[in-house]
N, C-alpha and C. Protein backbone atom coordinates (compact mmCIF):
# COMPACT_ATOMS: atom_id res chain seq x y z
N ASN A 1 3.68 18.80 -29.22
CA ASN A 1 4.17 17.46 -29.49
C ASN A 1 3.44 16.47 -28.60
N TRP A 2 2.99 15.37 -29.18
CA TRP A 2 2.19 14.42 -28.43
C TRP A 2 2.58 13.00 -28.87
N VAL A 3 2.91 12.17 -27.89
CA VAL A 3 3.20 10.76 -28.14
C VAL A 3 2.20 9.93 -27.34
N MET A 4 1.57 8.97 -28.01
CA MET A 4 0.62 8.08 -27.34
C MET A 4 1.13 6.65 -27.44
N VAL A 5 1.21 5.97 -26.28
CA VAL A 5 1.57 4.56 -26.23
C VAL A 5 0.36 3.84 -25.65
N ASN A 6 -0.28 3.02 -26.46
CA ASN A 6 -1.57 2.46 -26.05
C ASN A 6 -1.78 1.08 -26.65
N GLY A 7 -2.37 0.19 -25.85
CA GLY A 7 -2.75 -1.12 -26.34
C GLY A 7 -1.75 -2.21 -26.01
N ALA A 8 -2.28 -3.43 -25.88
CA ALA A 8 -1.43 -4.59 -25.57
C ALA A 8 -0.36 -4.76 -26.64
N GLY A 9 0.87 -4.99 -26.20
CA GLY A 9 1.98 -5.17 -27.12
C GLY A 9 2.70 -3.89 -27.48
N SER A 10 2.17 -2.74 -27.03
CA SER A 10 2.84 -1.46 -27.30
C SER A 10 3.91 -1.24 -26.24
N VAL A 11 5.18 -1.18 -26.65
CA VAL A 11 6.30 -1.08 -25.71
C VAL A 11 7.24 0.03 -26.17
N TRP A 12 7.60 0.90 -25.23
CA TRP A 12 8.59 1.95 -25.49
C TRP A 12 9.62 1.88 -24.39
N ARG A 13 10.85 1.47 -24.75
CA ARG A 13 11.92 1.31 -23.77
C ARG A 13 13.02 2.33 -24.03
N ASN A 14 13.43 3.03 -22.96
CA ASN A 14 14.50 4.02 -23.04
C ASN A 14 15.62 3.60 -22.09
N SER A 15 16.84 3.52 -22.61
CA SER A 15 17.96 3.14 -21.76
C SER A 15 18.56 4.35 -21.05
N ALA A 16 18.17 5.56 -21.48
CA ALA A 16 18.69 6.78 -20.86
C ALA A 16 17.51 7.63 -20.39
N THR A 17 17.69 8.96 -20.40
CA THR A 17 16.67 9.87 -19.91
C THR A 17 15.59 10.11 -20.96
N LEU A 18 14.34 10.09 -20.51
CA LEU A 18 13.20 10.43 -21.35
C LEU A 18 12.74 11.83 -20.96
N TYR A 19 12.87 12.78 -21.91
CA TYR A 19 12.44 14.15 -21.68
C TYR A 19 11.08 14.38 -22.31
N VAL A 20 10.17 14.97 -21.55
CA VAL A 20 8.91 15.45 -22.09
C VAL A 20 8.89 16.95 -21.78
N GLY A 21 9.23 17.78 -22.78
CA GLY A 21 9.32 19.22 -22.56
C GLY A 21 10.67 19.65 -22.07
N ASN A 22 11.70 19.42 -22.89
CA ASN A 22 13.04 19.85 -22.51
C ASN A 22 13.15 21.37 -22.48
N SER A 23 12.68 22.02 -23.54
CA SER A 23 12.74 23.48 -23.60
C SER A 23 11.42 24.11 -24.03
N GLY A 24 10.67 23.47 -24.89
CA GLY A 24 9.42 24.05 -25.36
C GLY A 24 8.23 23.62 -24.54
N ALA A 25 7.12 24.34 -24.71
CA ALA A 25 5.90 24.05 -23.97
C ALA A 25 4.96 23.18 -24.81
N GLY A 26 3.91 22.66 -24.15
CA GLY A 26 2.87 21.92 -24.84
C GLY A 26 3.25 20.52 -25.25
N ASN A 27 4.08 19.84 -24.47
CA ASN A 27 4.52 18.48 -24.80
C ASN A 27 3.80 17.47 -23.91
N MET A 28 3.39 16.34 -24.50
CA MET A 28 2.54 15.41 -23.77
C MET A 28 2.84 13.96 -24.16
N LEU A 29 2.81 13.10 -23.15
CA LEU A 29 2.91 11.66 -23.34
C LEU A 29 1.72 11.02 -22.66
N THR A 30 1.01 10.15 -23.37
CA THR A 30 -0.09 9.40 -22.76
C THR A 30 0.24 7.92 -22.79
N ILE A 31 -0.09 7.24 -21.69
CA ILE A 31 0.14 5.80 -21.54
C ILE A 31 -1.20 5.16 -21.27
N GLY A 32 -1.62 4.25 -22.14
CA GLY A 32 -2.94 3.64 -22.03
C GLY A 32 -2.89 2.18 -21.65
N ASP A 33 -4.04 1.54 -21.64
CA ASP A 33 -4.19 0.15 -21.22
C ASP A 33 -3.28 -0.77 -22.03
N GLY A 34 -2.58 -1.62 -21.30
CA GLY A 34 -1.75 -2.63 -21.94
C GLY A 34 -0.37 -2.15 -22.36
N ALA A 35 -0.13 -0.85 -22.35
CA ALA A 35 1.14 -0.32 -22.82
C ALA A 35 2.22 -0.46 -21.75
N VAL A 36 3.48 -0.51 -22.21
CA VAL A 36 4.63 -0.60 -21.31
C VAL A 36 5.63 0.48 -21.71
N VAL A 37 5.97 1.35 -20.76
CA VAL A 37 6.98 2.38 -20.98
C VAL A 37 8.03 2.26 -19.88
N THR A 38 9.31 2.23 -20.27
CA THR A 38 10.39 2.17 -19.29
C THR A 38 11.43 3.24 -19.64
N ALA A 39 12.11 3.71 -18.62
CA ALA A 39 13.18 4.70 -18.82
C ALA A 39 14.12 4.65 -17.65
N ASN A 40 15.32 5.17 -17.86
CA ASN A 40 16.25 5.35 -16.76
C ASN A 40 15.75 6.50 -15.89
N GLN A 41 15.67 7.69 -16.47
CA GLN A 41 15.20 8.88 -15.78
C GLN A 41 14.09 9.53 -16.60
N LEU A 42 13.09 10.07 -15.92
CA LEU A 42 11.99 10.76 -16.59
C LEU A 42 12.00 12.21 -16.13
N ILE A 43 12.08 13.16 -17.07
CA ILE A 43 12.07 14.58 -16.74
C ILE A 43 10.93 15.25 -17.50
N LEU A 44 10.06 15.90 -16.76
CA LEU A 44 8.95 16.65 -17.34
C LEU A 44 9.18 18.13 -17.08
N GLY A 45 9.55 18.88 -18.12
CA GLY A 45 9.85 20.29 -17.97
C GLY A 45 11.24 20.50 -17.43
N GLN A 46 12.19 20.74 -18.33
CA GLN A 46 13.60 20.82 -17.93
C GLN A 46 14.09 22.27 -17.79
N ASN A 47 14.04 23.02 -18.87
CA ASN A 47 14.60 24.36 -18.88
C ASN A 47 13.50 25.42 -18.82
N ALA A 48 13.90 26.67 -18.62
CA ALA A 48 12.93 27.77 -18.58
C ALA A 48 12.08 27.77 -19.85
N GLY A 49 10.77 27.81 -19.68
CA GLY A 49 9.86 27.75 -20.81
C GLY A 49 9.50 26.35 -21.22
N GLY A 50 10.13 25.36 -20.62
CA GLY A 50 9.85 23.97 -20.93
C GLY A 50 8.68 23.45 -20.11
N GLY A 51 7.75 22.79 -20.78
CA GLY A 51 6.60 22.22 -20.08
C GLY A 51 6.28 20.85 -20.63
N GLY A 52 6.04 19.88 -19.74
CA GLY A 52 5.74 18.53 -20.17
C GLY A 52 4.75 17.88 -19.25
N ALA A 53 3.87 17.03 -19.83
CA ALA A 53 2.84 16.35 -19.05
C ALA A 53 2.75 14.90 -19.46
N VAL A 54 2.51 14.04 -18.48
CA VAL A 54 2.23 12.63 -18.74
C VAL A 54 0.85 12.32 -18.18
N TYR A 55 0.02 11.67 -19.00
CA TYR A 55 -1.29 11.22 -18.58
C TYR A 55 -1.31 9.70 -18.69
N GLN A 56 -1.32 9.03 -17.56
CA GLN A 56 -1.32 7.57 -17.55
C GLN A 56 -2.67 7.07 -17.06
N GLY A 57 -3.40 6.44 -17.96
CA GLY A 57 -4.71 5.91 -17.62
C GLY A 57 -4.73 4.41 -17.50
N GLY A 58 -3.60 3.77 -17.80
CA GLY A 58 -3.49 2.32 -17.73
C GLY A 58 -2.07 1.92 -18.06
N GLY A 59 -1.86 0.62 -18.24
CA GLY A 59 -0.53 0.14 -18.57
C GLY A 59 0.45 0.32 -17.42
N THR A 60 1.75 0.33 -17.75
CA THR A 60 2.77 0.46 -16.73
C THR A 60 3.87 1.42 -17.18
N TYR A 61 4.38 2.18 -16.22
CA TYR A 61 5.61 2.93 -16.40
C TYR A 61 6.57 2.47 -15.32
N SER A 62 7.84 2.19 -15.72
CA SER A 62 8.86 1.76 -14.77
C SER A 62 10.10 2.61 -14.98
N GLY A 63 10.61 3.20 -13.89
CA GLY A 63 11.82 4.00 -13.96
C GLY A 63 12.89 3.47 -13.04
N THR A 64 14.15 3.56 -13.47
CA THR A 64 15.25 3.05 -12.65
C THR A 64 16.06 4.17 -12.00
N SER A 65 15.79 5.42 -12.36
CA SER A 65 16.45 6.56 -11.73
C SER A 65 15.38 7.58 -11.35
N GLU A 66 15.77 8.83 -11.15
CA GLU A 66 14.83 9.82 -10.64
C GLU A 66 13.75 10.20 -11.67
N MET A 67 12.62 10.62 -11.13
CA MET A 67 11.58 11.25 -11.93
C MET A 67 11.45 12.68 -11.42
N LYS A 68 11.61 13.67 -12.32
CA LYS A 68 11.60 15.07 -11.94
C LYS A 68 10.51 15.82 -12.69
N LEU A 69 9.73 16.59 -11.95
CA LEU A 69 8.66 17.39 -12.52
C LEU A 69 8.96 18.86 -12.29
N GLY A 70 9.35 19.58 -13.35
CA GLY A 70 9.69 20.99 -13.22
C GLY A 70 11.06 21.16 -12.61
N VAL A 71 12.10 21.17 -13.43
CA VAL A 71 13.47 21.15 -12.91
C VAL A 71 14.00 22.56 -12.65
N ASN A 72 14.22 23.33 -13.70
CA ASN A 72 14.80 24.66 -13.54
C ASN A 72 13.72 25.73 -13.45
N ALA A 73 14.10 26.91 -12.96
CA ALA A 73 13.15 28.01 -12.82
C ALA A 73 12.48 28.31 -14.16
N GLY A 74 11.17 28.47 -14.13
CA GLY A 74 10.42 28.75 -15.34
C GLY A 74 9.94 27.52 -16.08
N SER A 75 10.20 26.34 -15.54
CA SER A 75 9.74 25.09 -16.16
C SER A 75 8.53 24.55 -15.42
N TYR A 76 7.79 23.65 -16.09
CA TYR A 76 6.57 23.09 -15.51
C TYR A 76 6.47 21.62 -15.88
N GLY A 77 6.18 20.77 -14.87
CA GLY A 77 5.98 19.35 -15.12
C GLY A 77 4.73 18.85 -14.43
N PHE A 78 3.96 18.01 -15.13
CA PHE A 78 2.69 17.51 -14.61
C PHE A 78 2.57 16.01 -14.91
N TYR A 79 2.17 15.24 -13.91
CA TYR A 79 1.92 13.80 -14.10
C TYR A 79 0.57 13.47 -13.49
N GLN A 80 -0.32 12.90 -14.30
CA GLN A 80 -1.60 12.40 -13.78
C GLN A 80 -1.64 10.89 -13.93
N LEU A 81 -1.83 10.21 -12.81
CA LEU A 81 -2.00 8.76 -12.81
C LEU A 81 -3.44 8.46 -12.44
N SER A 82 -4.20 7.95 -13.41
CA SER A 82 -5.61 7.64 -13.18
C SER A 82 -5.88 6.14 -13.29
N GLY A 83 -4.89 5.38 -13.72
CA GLY A 83 -5.04 3.94 -13.84
C GLY A 83 -3.71 3.30 -14.16
N GLY A 84 -3.62 1.99 -14.01
CA GLY A 84 -2.38 1.30 -14.28
C GLY A 84 -1.42 1.40 -13.10
N CYS A 85 -0.13 1.17 -13.38
CA CYS A 85 0.87 1.12 -12.32
C CYS A 85 2.10 1.94 -12.71
N LEU A 86 2.54 2.78 -11.80
CA LEU A 86 3.76 3.57 -11.94
C LEU A 86 4.73 3.12 -10.86
N THR A 87 5.91 2.65 -11.30
CA THR A 87 6.93 2.18 -10.37
C THR A 87 8.22 2.93 -10.62
N ASN A 88 8.80 3.47 -9.54
CA ASN A 88 10.05 4.20 -9.66
C ASN A 88 10.99 3.75 -8.56
N VAL A 89 12.25 3.46 -8.93
CA VAL A 89 13.22 2.97 -7.96
C VAL A 89 13.84 4.11 -7.18
N ASN A 90 14.15 5.21 -7.86
CA ASN A 90 14.84 6.32 -7.23
C ASN A 90 13.84 7.39 -6.80
N TRP A 91 14.35 8.59 -6.47
CA TRP A 91 13.50 9.67 -5.97
C TRP A 91 12.50 10.15 -7.03
N THR A 92 11.30 10.47 -6.56
CA THR A 92 10.34 11.23 -7.35
C THR A 92 10.36 12.65 -6.80
N ARG A 93 10.76 13.60 -7.65
CA ARG A 93 10.92 14.99 -7.23
C ARG A 93 9.84 15.83 -7.89
N VAL A 94 8.84 16.19 -7.10
CA VAL A 94 7.76 17.03 -7.60
C VAL A 94 8.19 18.48 -7.37
N SER A 95 8.72 19.09 -8.40
CA SER A 95 9.58 20.28 -8.45
C SER A 95 11.00 19.78 -8.29
N GLY A 96 11.62 19.57 -9.44
CA GLY A 96 12.95 18.95 -9.45
C GLY A 96 13.98 19.74 -8.73
N ASP A 97 14.00 21.06 -8.91
CA ASP A 97 14.94 21.92 -8.21
C ASP A 97 14.33 23.31 -7.98
N ASN A 98 13.94 23.97 -9.05
CA ASN A 98 13.43 25.33 -8.92
C ASN A 98 12.18 25.59 -9.75
N GLY A 99 11.66 24.58 -10.40
CA GLY A 99 10.50 24.76 -11.24
C GLY A 99 9.19 24.50 -10.50
N LEU A 100 8.13 24.33 -11.28
CA LEU A 100 6.80 24.03 -10.76
C LEU A 100 6.44 22.61 -11.16
N GLY A 101 6.14 21.77 -10.17
CA GLY A 101 5.78 20.38 -10.43
C GLY A 101 4.48 20.02 -9.76
N VAL A 102 3.63 19.28 -10.47
CA VAL A 102 2.34 18.83 -9.93
C VAL A 102 2.16 17.36 -10.25
N PHE A 103 1.87 16.57 -9.23
CA PHE A 103 1.54 15.16 -9.41
C PHE A 103 0.11 14.97 -8.92
N TYR A 104 -0.75 14.43 -9.80
CA TYR A 104 -2.16 14.23 -9.47
C TYR A 104 -2.49 12.74 -9.55
N LEU A 105 -2.77 12.15 -8.40
CA LEU A 105 -3.12 10.73 -8.32
C LEU A 105 -4.63 10.61 -8.20
N SER A 106 -5.26 10.11 -9.26
CA SER A 106 -6.71 9.96 -9.26
C SER A 106 -7.14 8.51 -9.48
N GLY A 107 -6.18 7.60 -9.42
CA GLY A 107 -6.45 6.18 -9.58
C GLY A 107 -5.15 5.44 -9.84
N GLY A 108 -5.23 4.13 -9.91
CA GLY A 108 -4.04 3.35 -10.17
C GLY A 108 -3.15 3.21 -8.94
N THR A 109 -1.92 2.75 -9.17
CA THR A 109 -0.98 2.47 -8.09
C THR A 109 0.38 3.08 -8.40
N ASN A 110 0.90 3.83 -7.46
CA ASN A 110 2.21 4.46 -7.60
C ASN A 110 3.11 3.91 -6.50
N ILE A 111 4.18 3.21 -6.88
CA ILE A 111 5.05 2.54 -5.92
C ILE A 111 6.47 3.04 -6.09
N SER A 112 7.07 3.47 -4.98
CA SER A 112 8.50 3.78 -4.95
C SER A 112 9.18 2.66 -4.17
N THR A 113 10.05 1.91 -4.84
CA THR A 113 10.56 0.67 -4.26
C THR A 113 11.82 0.86 -3.43
N ALA A 114 12.50 2.02 -3.58
CA ALA A 114 13.74 2.23 -2.81
C ALA A 114 13.72 3.60 -2.15
N ASN A 115 14.00 4.65 -2.92
CA ASN A 115 13.97 6.00 -2.36
C ASN A 115 12.53 6.50 -2.31
N GLY A 116 12.37 7.74 -1.86
CA GLY A 116 11.02 8.23 -1.59
C GLY A 116 10.58 9.37 -2.48
N LEU A 117 9.92 10.33 -1.86
CA LEU A 117 9.25 11.42 -2.55
C LEU A 117 9.75 12.75 -2.00
N ILE A 118 10.06 13.68 -2.89
CA ILE A 118 10.42 15.04 -2.52
C ILE A 118 9.39 15.98 -3.14
N VAL A 119 8.72 16.75 -2.30
CA VAL A 119 7.75 17.74 -2.78
C VAL A 119 8.34 19.11 -2.51
N ALA A 120 8.85 19.76 -3.55
CA ALA A 120 9.48 21.08 -3.52
C ALA A 120 10.94 20.99 -3.10
N ALA A 121 11.81 21.10 -4.10
CA ALA A 121 13.25 21.15 -3.86
C ALA A 121 13.78 22.51 -4.27
N GLY A 122 14.84 22.96 -3.62
CA GLY A 122 15.43 24.25 -3.95
C GLY A 122 14.43 25.37 -3.74
N GLY A 123 14.27 26.21 -4.76
CA GLY A 123 13.30 27.30 -4.68
C GLY A 123 12.03 27.01 -5.44
N GLY A 124 11.76 25.74 -5.68
CA GLY A 124 10.60 25.37 -6.48
C GLY A 124 9.31 25.25 -5.70
N THR A 125 8.23 25.03 -6.46
CA THR A 125 6.91 24.79 -5.89
C THR A 125 6.43 23.42 -6.33
N GLY A 126 6.07 22.58 -5.37
CA GLY A 126 5.62 21.23 -5.67
C GLY A 126 4.29 20.94 -5.03
N VAL A 127 3.41 20.26 -5.79
CA VAL A 127 2.09 19.87 -5.30
C VAL A 127 1.88 18.39 -5.60
N PHE A 128 1.58 17.63 -4.57
CA PHE A 128 1.21 16.21 -4.72
C PHE A 128 -0.22 16.09 -4.21
N TYR A 129 -1.15 15.79 -5.11
CA TYR A 129 -2.57 15.70 -4.75
C TYR A 129 -3.06 14.29 -5.03
N ALA A 130 -3.53 13.62 -3.97
CA ALA A 130 -4.04 12.26 -4.10
C ALA A 130 -5.54 12.26 -3.82
N ALA A 131 -6.33 11.96 -4.84
CA ALA A 131 -7.78 11.94 -4.71
C ALA A 131 -8.34 10.52 -4.67
N SER A 132 -7.61 9.59 -5.26
CA SER A 132 -8.00 8.19 -5.30
C SER A 132 -6.76 7.38 -5.65
N GLY A 133 -6.85 6.06 -5.56
CA GLY A 133 -5.70 5.23 -5.87
C GLY A 133 -4.78 5.06 -4.68
N LEU A 134 -3.59 4.49 -4.95
CA LEU A 134 -2.63 4.14 -3.90
C LEU A 134 -1.26 4.70 -4.22
N TYR A 135 -0.64 5.35 -3.22
CA TYR A 135 0.77 5.70 -3.28
C TYR A 135 1.46 4.98 -2.14
N SER A 136 2.57 4.28 -2.43
CA SER A 136 3.30 3.54 -1.41
C SER A 136 4.79 3.72 -1.64
N ASN A 137 5.55 3.99 -0.55
CA ASN A 137 6.99 4.08 -0.69
C ASN A 137 7.69 3.49 0.51
N GLN A 138 9.01 3.28 0.36
CA GLN A 138 9.80 2.61 1.38
C GLN A 138 10.78 3.54 2.08
N ASN A 139 10.75 4.82 1.73
CA ASN A 139 11.72 5.74 2.30
C ASN A 139 11.02 7.02 2.74
N THR A 140 11.79 8.00 3.18
CA THR A 140 11.25 9.23 3.72
C THR A 140 10.59 10.08 2.63
N VAL A 141 9.53 10.76 3.00
CA VAL A 141 8.93 11.79 2.17
C VAL A 141 9.36 13.15 2.73
N TYR A 142 9.91 13.99 1.85
CA TYR A 142 10.38 15.33 2.26
C TYR A 142 9.47 16.39 1.68
N MET A 143 8.97 17.25 2.56
CA MET A 143 8.20 18.42 2.14
C MET A 143 9.13 19.63 2.26
N GLY A 144 9.86 19.93 1.20
CA GLY A 144 10.89 20.95 1.25
C GLY A 144 12.24 20.31 1.43
N TYR A 145 13.12 20.48 0.43
CA TYR A 145 14.42 19.79 0.43
C TYR A 145 15.47 20.76 -0.09
N ASN A 146 16.44 21.11 0.76
CA ASN A 146 17.48 22.07 0.38
C ASN A 146 16.88 23.38 -0.15
N ASN A 147 15.87 23.88 0.53
CA ASN A 147 15.23 25.10 0.08
C ASN A 147 16.14 26.31 0.27
N THR A 148 15.98 27.30 -0.60
CA THR A 148 16.75 28.53 -0.53
C THR A 148 15.96 29.59 0.24
N PRO A 149 16.63 30.64 0.73
CA PRO A 149 15.94 31.61 1.58
C PRO A 149 14.71 32.22 0.91
N GLY A 150 13.61 32.18 1.63
CA GLY A 150 12.39 32.81 1.16
C GLY A 150 11.68 32.06 0.06
N ASN A 151 12.19 30.89 -0.32
CA ASN A 151 11.63 30.16 -1.45
C ASN A 151 11.32 28.72 -1.06
N GLY A 152 10.63 28.05 -1.95
CA GLY A 152 10.28 26.66 -1.73
C GLY A 152 8.94 26.52 -1.05
N ARG A 153 8.03 25.87 -1.75
CA ARG A 153 6.70 25.61 -1.19
C ARG A 153 6.26 24.23 -1.63
N GLY A 154 5.99 23.35 -0.65
CA GLY A 154 5.53 22.01 -0.94
C GLY A 154 4.20 21.75 -0.29
N GLU A 155 3.30 21.12 -1.04
CA GLU A 155 1.95 20.85 -0.51
C GLU A 155 1.53 19.42 -0.85
N LEU A 156 1.13 18.69 0.16
CA LEU A 156 0.65 17.32 0.03
C LEU A 156 -0.80 17.28 0.48
N THR A 157 -1.69 16.88 -0.41
CA THR A 157 -3.11 16.77 -0.08
C THR A 157 -3.59 15.35 -0.32
N ILE A 158 -4.30 14.82 0.67
CA ILE A 158 -4.91 13.49 0.57
C ILE A 158 -6.41 13.67 0.75
N ALA A 159 -7.17 13.22 -0.22
CA ALA A 159 -8.61 13.45 -0.21
C ALA A 159 -9.33 12.24 -0.78
N GLY A 160 -10.66 12.29 -0.75
CA GLY A 160 -11.47 11.24 -1.36
C GLY A 160 -11.17 9.88 -0.76
N SER A 161 -10.89 8.90 -1.62
CA SER A 161 -10.63 7.53 -1.18
C SER A 161 -9.16 7.16 -1.32
N ALA A 162 -8.29 8.14 -1.47
CA ALA A 162 -6.86 7.87 -1.69
C ALA A 162 -6.22 7.24 -0.47
N THR A 163 -5.23 6.39 -0.72
CA THR A 163 -4.42 5.79 0.34
C THR A 163 -2.96 6.12 0.08
N VAL A 164 -2.31 6.73 1.08
CA VAL A 164 -0.89 7.07 1.00
C VAL A 164 -0.18 6.32 2.11
N MET A 165 0.67 5.38 1.72
CA MET A 165 1.39 4.52 2.66
C MET A 165 2.86 4.91 2.65
N ILE A 166 3.30 5.60 3.69
CA ILE A 166 4.70 5.99 3.83
C ILE A 166 5.32 5.07 4.87
N ASN A 167 6.11 4.13 4.40
CA ASN A 167 6.69 3.13 5.29
C ASN A 167 7.97 3.64 5.94
N SER A 168 7.96 4.91 6.26
CA SER A 168 9.07 5.58 6.91
C SER A 168 8.53 6.87 7.51
N ASN A 169 9.32 7.94 7.46
CA ASN A 169 8.93 9.21 8.07
C ASN A 169 8.57 10.24 7.02
N LEU A 170 7.87 11.28 7.46
CA LEU A 170 7.57 12.44 6.64
C LEU A 170 8.21 13.64 7.31
N GLN A 171 9.14 14.30 6.60
CA GLN A 171 9.86 15.42 7.20
C GLN A 171 9.60 16.70 6.41
N MET A 172 9.30 17.76 7.16
CA MET A 172 9.05 19.08 6.57
C MET A 172 10.27 19.96 6.81
N ASN A 173 10.62 20.79 5.78
CA ASN A 173 11.79 21.67 5.86
C ASN A 173 13.03 20.87 6.25
N ARG A 174 13.49 20.04 5.34
CA ARG A 174 14.59 19.12 5.66
C ARG A 174 15.87 19.84 6.05
N ASP A 175 16.41 20.64 5.14
CA ASP A 175 17.66 21.33 5.43
C ASP A 175 17.83 22.48 4.46
N GLY A 176 19.04 22.98 4.36
CA GLY A 176 19.30 24.14 3.52
C GLY A 176 19.14 25.42 4.31
N THR A 177 18.93 26.51 3.61
CA THR A 177 18.81 27.81 4.27
C THR A 177 17.39 28.36 4.12
N GLY A 178 16.44 27.48 3.95
CA GLY A 178 15.07 27.89 3.66
C GLY A 178 14.27 28.26 4.89
N ASP A 179 14.72 29.30 5.61
CA ASP A 179 14.02 29.68 6.83
C ASP A 179 12.60 30.16 6.55
N ALA A 180 12.33 30.57 5.32
CA ALA A 180 10.99 31.05 5.01
C ALA A 180 10.26 30.09 4.07
N ALA A 181 10.77 28.88 3.90
CA ALA A 181 10.11 27.89 3.07
C ALA A 181 8.82 27.43 3.74
N THR A 182 7.89 26.93 2.92
CA THR A 182 6.57 26.54 3.42
C THR A 182 6.27 25.10 3.05
N GLY A 183 5.82 24.32 4.03
CA GLY A 183 5.37 22.95 3.81
C GLY A 183 3.97 22.78 4.38
N ILE A 184 3.07 22.23 3.59
CA ILE A 184 1.66 22.09 4.00
C ILE A 184 1.20 20.66 3.74
N ILE A 185 0.57 20.07 4.74
CA ILE A 185 -0.09 18.77 4.59
C ILE A 185 -1.57 18.97 4.83
N ASN A 186 -2.38 18.59 3.86
CA ASN A 186 -3.83 18.66 3.97
C ASN A 186 -4.40 17.25 3.98
N LEU A 187 -4.94 16.84 5.11
CA LEU A 187 -5.62 15.55 5.19
C LEU A 187 -7.12 15.83 5.15
N ASP A 188 -7.69 15.71 3.96
CA ASP A 188 -9.10 16.03 3.74
C ASP A 188 -9.97 14.78 3.61
N GLY A 189 -9.35 13.63 3.53
CA GLY A 189 -10.06 12.37 3.37
C GLY A 189 -9.05 11.27 3.14
N GLY A 190 -9.54 10.08 2.84
CA GLY A 190 -8.64 8.98 2.56
C GLY A 190 -7.85 8.54 3.79
N LEU A 191 -6.69 7.94 3.54
CA LEU A 191 -5.85 7.38 4.60
C LEU A 191 -4.41 7.79 4.39
N LEU A 192 -3.78 8.30 5.45
CA LEU A 192 -2.35 8.56 5.48
C LEU A 192 -1.73 7.70 6.57
N ARG A 193 -0.85 6.79 6.16
CA ARG A 193 -0.11 5.96 7.11
C ARG A 193 1.34 6.39 7.07
N VAL A 194 1.90 6.75 8.24
CA VAL A 194 3.28 7.23 8.30
C VAL A 194 3.84 6.91 9.68
N ASN A 195 5.12 6.64 9.75
CA ASN A 195 5.74 6.32 11.04
C ASN A 195 5.87 7.54 11.93
N ASN A 196 6.27 8.68 11.34
CA ASN A 196 6.51 9.88 12.12
C ASN A 196 6.47 11.10 11.20
N ILE A 197 5.94 12.22 11.72
CA ILE A 197 5.97 13.49 11.01
C ILE A 197 6.81 14.45 11.83
N ASN A 198 7.86 15.00 11.23
CA ASN A 198 8.76 15.87 11.99
C ASN A 198 9.25 17.02 11.13
N LYS A 199 10.00 17.92 11.76
CA LYS A 199 10.55 19.08 11.09
C LYS A 199 12.06 19.01 11.13
N GLY A 200 12.71 19.26 9.97
CA GLY A 200 14.14 19.08 9.89
C GLY A 200 14.95 20.20 10.51
N ILE A 201 14.57 21.46 10.23
CA ILE A 201 15.32 22.61 10.74
C ILE A 201 14.35 23.63 11.33
N ALA A 202 14.89 24.51 12.16
CA ALA A 202 14.07 25.59 12.70
C ALA A 202 13.76 26.60 11.61
N GLY A 203 12.69 27.34 11.81
CA GLY A 203 12.32 28.34 10.83
C GLY A 203 11.41 27.77 9.77
N GLY A 204 10.98 28.63 8.88
CA GLY A 204 10.05 28.19 7.86
C GLY A 204 8.66 28.01 8.43
N LEU A 205 7.74 27.61 7.59
CA LEU A 205 6.35 27.43 7.98
C LEU A 205 5.92 26.01 7.66
N SER A 206 5.54 25.27 8.69
CA SER A 206 5.09 23.88 8.53
C SER A 206 3.67 23.78 9.07
N ILE A 207 2.74 23.36 8.21
CA ILE A 207 1.31 23.35 8.56
C ILE A 207 0.72 21.98 8.28
N ILE A 208 -0.07 21.49 9.23
CA ILE A 208 -0.86 20.27 9.02
C ILE A 208 -2.33 20.64 9.21
N ASN A 209 -3.12 20.49 8.17
CA ASN A 209 -4.56 20.73 8.23
C ASN A 209 -5.28 19.39 8.25
N PHE A 210 -5.88 19.07 9.38
CA PHE A 210 -6.58 17.79 9.54
C PHE A 210 -8.08 18.07 9.42
N ASN A 211 -8.62 17.86 8.22
CA ASN A 211 -10.01 18.18 7.94
C ASN A 211 -10.88 16.95 7.74
N GLY A 212 -10.29 15.77 7.79
CA GLY A 212 -11.04 14.54 7.57
C GLY A 212 -10.10 13.40 7.26
N GLY A 213 -10.65 12.24 6.97
CA GLY A 213 -9.82 11.10 6.66
C GLY A 213 -9.23 10.46 7.90
N THR A 214 -8.22 9.62 7.69
CA THR A 214 -7.61 8.85 8.78
C THR A 214 -6.10 9.02 8.77
N LEU A 215 -5.54 9.35 9.92
CA LEU A 215 -4.09 9.40 10.10
C LEU A 215 -3.69 8.21 10.95
N LEU A 216 -2.87 7.34 10.39
CA LEU A 216 -2.52 6.09 11.04
C LEU A 216 -1.02 6.02 11.29
N GLY A 217 -0.62 5.80 12.55
CA GLY A 217 0.78 5.63 12.87
C GLY A 217 1.25 4.26 12.47
N GLY A 218 2.41 4.21 11.80
CA GLY A 218 2.91 2.94 11.30
C GLY A 218 3.94 2.28 12.19
N ALA A 219 4.31 2.98 13.29
CA ALA A 219 5.32 2.42 14.19
C ALA A 219 5.08 2.97 15.60
N ALA A 220 5.64 2.28 16.57
CA ALA A 220 5.53 2.74 17.95
C ALA A 220 6.36 4.01 18.14
N GLY A 221 5.93 4.87 19.07
CA GLY A 221 6.67 6.10 19.33
C GLY A 221 5.86 7.32 19.01
N THR A 222 6.54 8.47 18.90
CA THR A 222 5.88 9.75 18.66
C THR A 222 5.47 9.87 17.20
N LEU A 223 4.21 10.21 16.97
CA LEU A 223 3.70 10.33 15.61
C LEU A 223 4.02 11.70 15.04
N ILE A 224 3.79 12.76 15.82
CA ILE A 224 4.04 14.14 15.36
C ILE A 224 4.87 14.85 16.41
């Protein structure tokens, strides 16, 4: 299943949840130049066997509630932003709870105006890869959120010319019982601005690989 919203004057407004891949695989939404898509909540890959992808090369997407990529175990959600603007008021959950979620920023602007970003929730696997473009948020970024024992893996990579502006803190292994959960930050290029990087609970594996780019403290005090 494939839906394309493209061109000036093309508008798709949803007052409730927009599902791309509720149960079946191979579902896709593309957003092109001049298009406008709005929704309350956006879910990509809901149930086991469900897979959904959004490719945004232009236009705008605006959400008023959470955006979830890969919710339940066995689901998969993918979002590529290569142009245009993506704005979300509530949490962006890359791995909604127990699924597999991937967000690929290769251009454009991604803004979270209230809540922040969760990479890997529950027993899921989440990957946020920024190669170009801008990501900016006003709240905490969590690498691992309510992880279950032995599960949960979140990875944030910043490379190329990407800019990631976290106007708050970045916390790895927030809470839960995920003593064996894994959180990885790869700074391979670009710019990461953050007030503080910390660990929420003891246990688990938290790794920062500084291979290039710029790490900029956004506030006075301890950075790491």
